[in-house]
Protein backbone atom coordinates (compact mmCIF):
# COMPACT_ATOMS: atom_id res chain seq x y z
CA UNK A 1 0.00 0.00 0.00
CA UNK A 2 1.51 3.25 -1.12
CA UNK A 3 0.90 6.46 0.79
CA UNK A 4 1.02 9.65 -1.16
CA UNK A 5 1.34 13.03 0.51
CA UNK A 6 -1.64 14.24 -1.49
CA UNK A 7 -3.84 11.57 0.10
CA UNK A 8 -3.09 12.70 3.67
CA UNK A 9 -5.23 15.51 5.00
CA UNK A 10 -3.22 18.70 5.31
CA UNK A 11 -4.66 19.55 8.69
CA UNK A 12 -2.98 16.62 10.42
CA UNK A 13 0.64 17.57 9.71
CA UNK A 14 -0.01 21.31 10.02
CA UNK A 15 -1.71 20.74 13.37
CA UNK A 16 1.28 18.71 14.59
CA UNK A 17 3.67 21.34 13.30
CA UNK A 18 1.68 24.11 14.98
CA UNK A 19 1.59 22.23 18.29
CA UNK A 20 5.31 21.48 18.12
CA UNK A 21 6.10 25.10 17.32
CA UNK A 22 3.93 26.33 20.21
CA UNK A 23 5.54 23.84 22.59
CA UNK A 24 9.02 24.95 21.51
CA UNK A 25 8.02 28.61 21.94
CA UNK A 26 6.75 27.90 25.47
CA UNK A 27 9.98 26.02 26.24
CA UNK A 28 12.06 28.91 24.92
CA UNK A 29 10.17 31.63 26.79
CA UNK A 30 10.38 29.96 30.21
CA UNK A 31 14.16 29.76 30.37
CA UNK A 32 17.30 31.61 29.24
CA UNK A 33 17.30 29.83 25.88
CA UNK A 34 19.66 32.11 23.94
CA UNK A 35 22.08 32.31 26.84
CA UNK A 36 22.32 28.52 26.99
CA UNK A 37 22.74 28.32 23.22
CA UNK A 38 25.56 30.87 23.23
CA UNK A 39 27.35 29.06 26.07
CA UNK A 40 27.07 25.74 24.22
CA UNK A 41 28.36 27.35 21.01
CA UNK A 42 31.28 28.72 23.04
CA UNK A 43 32.29 25.21 24.02
CA UNK A 44 32.52 23.96 20.44
CA UNK A 45 35.53 25.93 19.10
CA UNK A 46 37.34 25.62 22.41
CA UNK A 47 36.84 21.86 22.22
CA UNK A 48 37.55 21.49 18.49
CA UNK A 49 40.61 23.59 17.62
CA UNK A 50 43.25 21.84 19.80
CA UNK A 51 42.38 18.52 18.15
CA UNK A 52 41.94 19.77 14.55
CA UNK A 53 44.25 18.83 11.69
CA UNK A 54 44.56 21.21 8.78
CA UNK A 55 45.87 19.70 5.56
CA UNK A 56 47.24 21.96 2.84
CA UNK A 57 48.38 19.74 -0.01
CA UNK A 58 50.90 17.36 1.55
CA UNK A 59 51.47 19.59 4.57
CA UNK A 60 49.52 18.67 7.70
CA UNK A 61 49.27 21.26 10.43
CA UNK A 62 48.36 19.88 13.81
CA UNK A 63 47.19 22.23 16.54
CA UNK A 64 47.72 19.75 19.39
CA UNK A 65 49.07 21.54 22.41
CA UNK A 66 49.79 20.66 25.99
CA UNK A 67 46.52 22.37 26.82
CA UNK A 68 44.55 19.79 24.84
CA UNK A 69 43.22 18.10 27.98
CA UNK A 70 42.38 21.48 29.49
CA UNK A 71 40.58 22.46 26.29
CA UNK A 72 38.62 19.23 26.40
CA UNK A 73 37.53 19.85 29.98
CA UNK A 74 36.64 23.51 29.38
CA UNK A 75 34.71 22.75 26.19
CA UNK A 76 32.70 19.94 27.78
CA UNK A 77 31.97 22.04 30.88
CA UNK A 78 30.71 24.92 28.75
CA UNK A 79 28.38 22.60 26.85
CA UNK A 80 27.11 21.11 30.13
CA UNK A 81 26.57 24.60 31.58
CA UNK A 82 24.59 25.58 28.48
CA UNK A 83 22.38 22.51 28.88
CA UNK A 84 21.99 23.23 32.60
CA UNK A 85 20.79 26.74 31.76
CA UNK A 86 18.16 25.26 29.49
CA UNK A 87 16.88 22.46 31.66
CA UNK A 88 17.42 23.95 35.13
CA UNK A 89 16.84 27.71 34.81
CA UNK A 90 17.15 28.21 38.57
CA UNK A 91 20.93 27.66 38.30
CA UNK A 92 21.29 30.35 35.63
CA UNK A 93 23.37 32.72 37.77
CA UNK A 94 25.86 30.03 38.80
CA UNK A 95 26.03 28.74 35.22
CA UNK A 96 26.56 32.26 33.87
CA UNK A 97 29.37 33.07 36.28
CA UNK A 98 31.00 29.70 35.66
CA UNK A 99 30.72 30.19 31.87
CA UNK A 100 32.39 33.60 32.12
CA UNK A 101 35.17 32.21 34.32
CA UNK A 102 35.76 29.24 32.00
CA UNK A 103 35.81 31.54 28.99
CA UNK A 104 38.46 33.68 30.65
CA UNK A 105 40.54 30.62 31.53
CA UNK A 106 40.24 29.38 27.95
CA UNK A 107 42.22 32.40 26.77
CA UNK A 108 45.31 30.99 28.44
CA UNK A 109 44.64 27.27 28.13
CA UNK A 110 43.01 26.77 24.75
CA UNK A 111 44.51 28.69 21.80
CA UNK A 112 43.24 32.10 22.89
CA UNK A 113 39.81 30.75 23.74
CA UNK A 114 39.20 28.97 20.47
CA UNK A 115 40.74 31.86 18.52
CA UNK A 116 38.51 34.30 20.45
CA UNK A 117 35.34 32.78 18.98
CA UNK A 118 34.55 30.60 21.99
CA UNK A 119 35.76 33.31 24.35
CA UNK A 120 33.31 35.93 23.06
CA UNK A 121 30.39 33.51 22.83
CA UNK A 122 31.10 32.40 26.42
CA UNK A 123 31.22 35.96 27.72
CA UNK A 124 28.02 36.98 25.96
CA UNK A 125 26.17 33.79 26.87
CA UNK A 126 27.28 33.96 30.50
CA UNK A 127 26.25 37.60 30.76
CA UNK A 128 22.88 36.85 29.20
CA UNK A 129 22.39 33.98 31.64
CA UNK A 130 23.11 36.20 34.63
CA UNK A 131 20.86 38.99 33.36
CA UNK A 132 17.85 36.80 32.49
CA UNK A 133 14.87 36.92 34.86
CA UNK A 134 11.68 34.89 34.56
CA UNK A 135 8.77 36.77 33.06
CA UNK A 136 5.45 37.31 34.75
CA UNK A 137 2.14 36.22 33.34
CA UNK A 138 0.15 38.89 31.55
CA UNK A 139 -2.91 40.16 33.45
CA UNK A 140 -6.27 38.77 32.43
CA UNK A 141 -8.16 40.99 29.98
CA UNK A 142 -10.84 43.26 31.43
CA UNK A 143 -14.43 42.00 31.25
CA UNK A 144 -15.81 45.33 30.06
CA UNK A 145 -14.92 45.92 26.42
CA UNK A 146 -14.74 49.70 26.83
CA UNK A 147 -12.77 49.77 30.09
CA UNK A 148 -9.01 49.60 30.07
CA UNK A 149 -7.17 48.00 32.98
CA UNK A 150 -5.44 50.43 35.30
CA UNK A 151 -1.71 49.76 35.20
CA UNK A 152 -0.08 49.06 38.53
CA UNK A 153 3.02 51.06 39.37
CA UNK A 154 6.23 49.17 38.81
CA UNK A 155 8.30 48.42 41.88
CA UNK A 156 11.33 50.62 42.16
CA UNK A 157 9.76 53.71 40.65
CA UNK A 158 8.99 56.82 42.60
CA UNK A 159 10.68 58.23 45.65
CA UNK A 160 13.23 56.22 47.56
CA UNK A 161 11.74 57.65 50.75
CA UNK A 162 8.31 56.16 50.04
CA UNK A 163 9.27 52.93 51.78
CA UNK A 164 9.94 54.78 55.07
CA UNK A 165 6.33 55.80 55.46
CA UNK A 166 7.04 59.51 55.37
CA UNK A 167 7.34 61.75 52.41
CA UNK A 168 10.21 63.87 51.33
CA UNK A 169 11.60 66.23 53.97
CA UNK A 170 10.14 69.69 54.12
CA UNK A 171 12.31 72.52 52.83
CA UNK A 172 14.01 74.49 55.57
CA UNK A 173 11.83 77.17 57.05
CA UNK A 174 13.17 80.49 58.25
CA UNK A 175 14.13 79.80 61.85
CA UNK A 176 15.09 83.35 62.56
CA UNK A 177 18.78 82.69 62.33
CA UNK A 178 20.68 84.96 60.06
CA UNK A 179 23.54 83.63 58.06
CA UNK A 180 26.53 85.74 58.90
CA UNK A 181 29.38 85.90 56.52
CA UNK A 182 32.88 86.48 57.69
CA UNK A 183 34.16 89.54 55.99
C-alpha atoms as a PDB file:
ATOM      1  CA  UNK A   1       0.000   0.000   0.000  1.00  0.00           C
ATOM      2  CA  UNK A   2       1.506   3.252  -1.117  1.00  0.00           C
ATOM      3  CA  UNK A   3       0.895   6.460   0.790  1.00  0.00           C
ATOM      4  CA  UNK A   4       1.024   9.654  -1.156  1.00  0.00           C
ATOM      5  CA  UNK A   5       1.344  13.033   0.512  1.00  0.00           C
ATOM      6  CA  UNK A   6      -1.644  14.236  -1.491  1.00  0.00           C
ATOM      7  CA  UNK A   7      -3.840  11.565   0.096  1.00  0.00           C
ATOM      8  CA  UNK A   8      -3.088  12.705   3.667  1.00  0.00           C
ATOM      9  CA  UNK A   9      -5.227  15.507   5.002  1.00  0.00           C
ATOM     10  CA  UNK A  10      -3.222  18.700   5.309  1.00  0.00           C
ATOM     11  CA  UNK A  11      -4.662  19.550   8.686  1.00  0.00           C
ATOM     12  CA  UNK A  12      -2.975  16.618  10.415  1.00  0.00           C
ATOM     13  CA  UNK A  13       0.636  17.569   9.708  1.00  0.00           C
ATOM     14  CA  UNK A  14      -0.014  21.307  10.016  1.00  0.00           C
ATOM     15  CA  UNK A  15      -1.706  20.738  13.366  1.00  0.00           C
ATOM     16  CA  UNK A  16       1.282  18.707  14.586  1.00  0.00           C
ATOM     17  CA  UNK A  17       3.669  21.343  13.300  1.00  0.00           C
ATOM     18  CA  UNK A  18       1.683  24.109  14.977  1.00  0.00           C
ATOM     19  CA  UNK A  19       1.586  22.232  18.290  1.00  0.00           C
ATOM     20  CA  UNK A  20       5.314  21.482  18.123  1.00  0.00           C
ATOM     21  CA  UNK A  21       6.102  25.099  17.323  1.00  0.00           C
ATOM     22  CA  UNK A  22       3.926  26.333  20.210  1.00  0.00           C
ATOM     23  CA  UNK A  23       5.542  23.842  22.590  1.00  0.00           C
ATOM     24  CA  UNK A  24       9.021  24.950  21.515  1.00  0.00           C
ATOM     25  CA  UNK A  25       8.025  28.611  21.941  1.00  0.00           C
ATOM     26  CA  UNK A  26       6.748  27.899  25.466  1.00  0.00           C
ATOM     27  CA  UNK A  27       9.981  26.025  26.244  1.00  0.00           C
ATOM     28  CA  UNK A  28      12.063  28.912  24.921  1.00  0.00           C
ATOM     29  CA  UNK A  29      10.171  31.627  26.795  1.00  0.00           C
ATOM     30  CA  UNK A  30      10.379  29.962  30.213  1.00  0.00           C
ATOM     31  CA  UNK A  31      14.158  29.758  30.369  1.00  0.00           C
ATOM     32  CA  UNK A  32      17.298  31.608  29.236  1.00  0.00           C
ATOM     33  CA  UNK A  33      17.303  29.829  25.875  1.00  0.00           C
ATOM     34  CA  UNK A  34      19.657  32.106  23.942  1.00  0.00           C
ATOM     35  CA  UNK A  35      22.084  32.310  26.840  1.00  0.00           C
ATOM     36  CA  UNK A  36      22.317  28.521  26.989  1.00  0.00           C
ATOM     37  CA  UNK A  37      22.739  28.319  23.223  1.00  0.00           C
ATOM     38  CA  UNK A  38      25.563  30.871  23.229  1.00  0.00           C
ATOM     39  CA  UNK A  39      27.345  29.062  26.073  1.00  0.00           C
ATOM     40  CA  UNK A  40      27.074  25.735  24.215  1.00  0.00           C
ATOM     41  CA  UNK A  41      28.358  27.348  21.012  1.00  0.00           C
ATOM     42  CA  UNK A  42      31.284  28.723  23.038  1.00  0.00           C
ATOM     43  CA  UNK A  43      32.293  25.212  24.019  1.00  0.00           C
ATOM     44  CA  UNK A  44      32.524  23.957  20.436  1.00  0.00           C
ATOM     45  CA  UNK A  45      35.527  25.931  19.095  1.00  0.00           C
ATOM     46  CA  UNK A  46      37.338  25.620  22.409  1.00  0.00           C
ATOM     47  CA  UNK A  47      36.845  21.864  22.224  1.00  0.00           C
ATOM     48  CA  UNK A  48      37.554  21.490  18.490  1.00  0.00           C
ATOM     49  CA  UNK A  49      40.608  23.592  17.621  1.00  0.00           C
ATOM     50  CA  UNK A  50      43.246  21.842  19.795  1.00  0.00           C
ATOM     51  CA  UNK A  51      42.379  18.518  18.146  1.00  0.00           C
ATOM     52  CA  UNK A  52      41.943  19.765  14.553  1.00  0.00           C
ATOM     53  CA  UNK A  53      44.247  18.825  11.694  1.00  0.00           C
ATOM     54  CA  UNK A  54      44.560  21.207   8.783  1.00  0.00           C
ATOM     55  CA  UNK A  55      45.871  19.696   5.556  1.00  0.00           C
ATOM     56  CA  UNK A  56      47.243  21.956   2.838  1.00  0.00           C
ATOM     57  CA  UNK A  57      48.377  19.735  -0.007  1.00  0.00           C
ATOM     58  CA  UNK A  58      50.895  17.364   1.546  1.00  0.00           C
ATOM     59  CA  UNK A  59      51.472  19.591   4.572  1.00  0.00           C
ATOM     60  CA  UNK A  60      49.517  18.674   7.698  1.00  0.00           C
ATOM     61  CA  UNK A  61      49.271  21.262  10.427  1.00  0.00           C
ATOM     62  CA  UNK A  62      48.364  19.877  13.811  1.00  0.00           C
ATOM     63  CA  UNK A  63      47.188  22.234  16.542  1.00  0.00           C
ATOM     64  CA  UNK A  64      47.721  19.749  19.386  1.00  0.00           C
ATOM     65  CA  UNK A  65      49.071  21.537  22.411  1.00  0.00           C
ATOM     66  CA  UNK A  66      49.792  20.664  25.994  1.00  0.00           C
ATOM     67  CA  UNK A  67      46.519  22.365  26.821  1.00  0.00           C
ATOM     68  CA  UNK A  68      44.555  19.790  24.841  1.00  0.00           C
ATOM     69  CA  UNK A  69      43.224  18.104  27.975  1.00  0.00           C
ATOM     70  CA  UNK A  70      42.375  21.481  29.488  1.00  0.00           C
ATOM     71  CA  UNK A  71      40.575  22.464  26.294  1.00  0.00           C
ATOM     72  CA  UNK A  72      38.616  19.227  26.398  1.00  0.00           C
ATOM     73  CA  UNK A  73      37.527  19.849  29.985  1.00  0.00           C
ATOM     74  CA  UNK A  74      36.641  23.515  29.380  1.00  0.00           C
ATOM     75  CA  UNK A  75      34.708  22.745  26.194  1.00  0.00           C
ATOM     76  CA  UNK A  76      32.695  19.943  27.778  1.00  0.00           C
ATOM     77  CA  UNK A  77      31.973  22.039  30.882  1.00  0.00           C
ATOM     78  CA  UNK A  78      30.706  24.921  28.749  1.00  0.00           C
ATOM     79  CA  UNK A  79      28.384  22.596  26.854  1.00  0.00           C
ATOM     80  CA  UNK A  80      27.110  21.110  30.128  1.00  0.00           C
ATOM     81  CA  UNK A  81      26.575  24.603  31.583  1.00  0.00           C
ATOM     82  CA  UNK A  82      24.593  25.580  28.483  1.00  0.00           C
ATOM     83  CA  UNK A  83      22.384  22.506  28.878  1.00  0.00           C
ATOM     84  CA  UNK A  84      21.993  23.231  32.596  1.00  0.00           C
ATOM     85  CA  UNK A  85      20.790  26.741  31.762  1.00  0.00           C
ATOM     86  CA  UNK A  86      18.160  25.260  29.487  1.00  0.00           C
ATOM     87  CA  UNK A  87      16.880  22.458  31.657  1.00  0.00           C
ATOM     88  CA  UNK A  88      17.424  23.952  35.126  1.00  0.00           C
ATOM     89  CA  UNK A  89      16.840  27.707  34.805  1.00  0.00           C
ATOM     90  CA  UNK A  90      17.149  28.212  38.568  1.00  0.00           C
ATOM     91  CA  UNK A  91      20.928  27.660  38.303  1.00  0.00           C
ATOM     92  CA  UNK A  92      21.289  30.350  35.633  1.00  0.00           C
ATOM     93  CA  UNK A  93      23.375  32.720  37.769  1.00  0.00           C
ATOM     94  CA  UNK A  94      25.860  30.026  38.801  1.00  0.00           C
ATOM     95  CA  UNK A  95      26.032  28.735  35.219  1.00  0.00           C
ATOM     96  CA  UNK A  96      26.556  32.261  33.871  1.00  0.00           C
ATOM     97  CA  UNK A  97      29.367  33.070  36.281  1.00  0.00           C
ATOM     98  CA  UNK A  98      30.997  29.698  35.655  1.00  0.00           C
ATOM     99  CA  UNK A  99      30.725  30.191  31.867  1.00  0.00           C
ATOM    100  CA  UNK A 100      32.392  33.598  32.120  1.00  0.00           C
ATOM    101  CA  UNK A 101      35.171  32.209  34.316  1.00  0.00           C
ATOM    102  CA  UNK A 102      35.761  29.236  32.003  1.00  0.00           C
ATOM    103  CA  UNK A 103      35.814  31.544  28.989  1.00  0.00           C
ATOM    104  CA  UNK A 104      38.461  33.680  30.651  1.00  0.00           C
ATOM    105  CA  UNK A 105      40.537  30.618  31.530  1.00  0.00           C
ATOM    106  CA  UNK A 106      40.239  29.379  27.954  1.00  0.00           C
ATOM    107  CA  UNK A 107      42.217  32.403  26.769  1.00  0.00           C
ATOM    108  CA  UNK A 108      45.310  30.993  28.439  1.00  0.00           C
ATOM    109  CA  UNK A 109      44.638  27.271  28.131  1.00  0.00           C
ATOM    110  CA  UNK A 110      43.013  26.769  24.748  1.00  0.00           C
ATOM    111  CA  UNK A 111      44.512  28.692  21.801  1.00  0.00           C
ATOM    112  CA  UNK A 112      43.240  32.097  22.888  1.00  0.00           C
ATOM    113  CA  UNK A 113      39.805  30.750  23.744  1.00  0.00           C
ATOM    114  CA  UNK A 114      39.196  28.969  20.470  1.00  0.00           C
ATOM    115  CA  UNK A 115      40.737  31.855  18.516  1.00  0.00           C
ATOM    116  CA  UNK A 116      38.513  34.300  20.450  1.00  0.00           C
ATOM    117  CA  UNK A 117      35.339  32.782  18.981  1.00  0.00           C
ATOM    118  CA  UNK A 118      34.551  30.605  21.989  1.00  0.00           C
ATOM    119  CA  UNK A 119      35.760  33.305  24.349  1.00  0.00           C
ATOM    120  CA  UNK A 120      33.314  35.926  23.060  1.00  0.00           C
ATOM    121  CA  UNK A 121      30.394  33.505  22.834  1.00  0.00           C
ATOM    122  CA  UNK A 122      31.103  32.397  26.415  1.00  0.00           C
ATOM    123  CA  UNK A 123      31.221  35.956  27.723  1.00  0.00           C
ATOM    124  CA  UNK A 124      28.025  36.985  25.959  1.00  0.00           C
ATOM    125  CA  UNK A 125      26.171  33.787  26.870  1.00  0.00           C
ATOM    126  CA  UNK A 126      27.280  33.960  30.503  1.00  0.00           C
ATOM    127  CA  UNK A 127      26.250  37.601  30.762  1.00  0.00           C
ATOM    128  CA  UNK A 128      22.875  36.847  29.198  1.00  0.00           C
ATOM    129  CA  UNK A 129      22.392  33.980  31.637  1.00  0.00           C
ATOM    130  CA  UNK A 130      23.114  36.202  34.627  1.00  0.00           C
ATOM    131  CA  UNK A 131      20.858  38.987  33.360  1.00  0.00           C
ATOM    132  CA  UNK A 132      17.855  36.797  32.494  1.00  0.00           C
ATOM    133  CA  UNK A 133      14.873  36.924  34.857  1.00  0.00           C
ATOM    134  CA  UNK A 134      11.680  34.892  34.562  1.00  0.00           C
ATOM    135  CA  UNK A 135       8.766  36.770  33.062  1.00  0.00           C
ATOM    136  CA  UNK A 136       5.451  37.313  34.755  1.00  0.00           C
ATOM    137  CA  UNK A 137       2.136  36.223  33.339  1.00  0.00           C
ATOM    138  CA  UNK A 138       0.151  38.893  31.552  1.00  0.00           C
ATOM    139  CA  UNK A 139      -2.905  40.161  33.451  1.00  0.00           C
ATOM    140  CA  UNK A 140      -6.268  38.771  32.435  1.00  0.00           C
ATOM    141  CA  UNK A 141      -8.156  40.988  29.984  1.00  0.00           C
ATOM    142  CA  UNK A 142     -10.839  43.259  31.433  1.00  0.00           C
ATOM    143  CA  UNK A 143     -14.428  42.005  31.251  1.00  0.00           C
ATOM    144  CA  UNK A 144     -15.810  45.334  30.059  1.00  0.00           C
ATOM    145  CA  UNK A 145     -14.917  45.915  26.421  1.00  0.00           C
ATOM    146  CA  UNK A 146     -14.735  49.699  26.834  1.00  0.00           C
ATOM    147  CA  UNK A 147     -12.772  49.773  30.086  1.00  0.00           C
ATOM    148  CA  UNK A 148      -9.010  49.604  30.066  1.00  0.00           C
ATOM    149  CA  UNK A 149      -7.170  47.997  32.980  1.00  0.00           C
ATOM    150  CA  UNK A 150      -5.440  50.426  35.296  1.00  0.00           C
ATOM    151  CA  UNK A 151      -1.708  49.757  35.203  1.00  0.00           C
ATOM    152  CA  UNK A 152      -0.080  49.056  38.533  1.00  0.00           C
ATOM    153  CA  UNK A 153       3.020  51.058  39.369  1.00  0.00           C
ATOM    154  CA  UNK A 154       6.229  49.173  38.814  1.00  0.00           C
ATOM    155  CA  UNK A 155       8.304  48.421  41.877  1.00  0.00           C
ATOM    156  CA  UNK A 156      11.332  50.621  42.163  1.00  0.00           C
ATOM    157  CA  UNK A 157       9.763  53.715  40.654  1.00  0.00           C
ATOM    158  CA  UNK A 158       8.992  56.824  42.601  1.00  0.00           C
ATOM    159  CA  UNK A 159      10.680  58.233  45.652  1.00  0.00           C
ATOM    160  CA  UNK A 160      13.228  56.218  47.556  1.00  0.00           C
ATOM    161  CA  UNK A 161      11.743  57.654  50.750  1.00  0.00           C
ATOM    162  CA  UNK A 162       8.310  56.164  50.042  1.00  0.00           C
ATOM    163  CA  UNK A 163       9.273  52.931  51.785  1.00  0.00           C
ATOM    164  CA  UNK A 164       9.942  54.778  55.066  1.00  0.00           C
ATOM    165  CA  UNK A 165       6.329  55.804  55.459  1.00  0.00           C
ATOM    166  CA  UNK A 166       7.036  59.510  55.366  1.00  0.00           C
ATOM    167  CA  UNK A 167       7.342  61.753  52.405  1.00  0.00           C
ATOM    168  CA  UNK A 168      10.215  63.871  51.330  1.00  0.00           C
ATOM    169  CA  UNK A 169      11.599  66.235  53.967  1.00  0.00           C
ATOM    170  CA  UNK A 170      10.141  69.692  54.123  1.00  0.00           C
ATOM    171  CA  UNK A 171      12.306  72.516  52.825  1.00  0.00           C
ATOM    172  CA  UNK A 172      14.008  74.494  55.572  1.00  0.00           C
ATOM    173  CA  UNK A 173      11.825  77.173  57.047  1.00  0.00           C
ATOM    174  CA  UNK A 174      13.171  80.488  58.246  1.00  0.00           C
ATOM    175  CA  UNK A 175      14.134  79.797  61.853  1.00  0.00           C
ATOM    176  CA  UNK A 176      15.091  83.347  62.564  1.00  0.00           C
ATOM    177  CA  UNK A 177      18.779  82.690  62.333  1.00  0.00           C
ATOM    178  CA  UNK A 178      20.684  84.958  60.058  1.00  0.00           C
ATOM    179  CA  UNK A 179      23.544  83.627  58.055  1.00  0.00           C
ATOM    180  CA  UNK A 180      26.531  85.742  58.904  1.00  0.00           C
ATOM    181  CA  UNK A 181      29.383  85.904  56.520  1.00  0.00           C
ATOM    182  CA  UNK A 182      32.880  86.481  57.686  1.00  0.00           C
ATOM    183  CA  UNK A 183      34.165  89.545  55.992  1.00  0.00           C
END
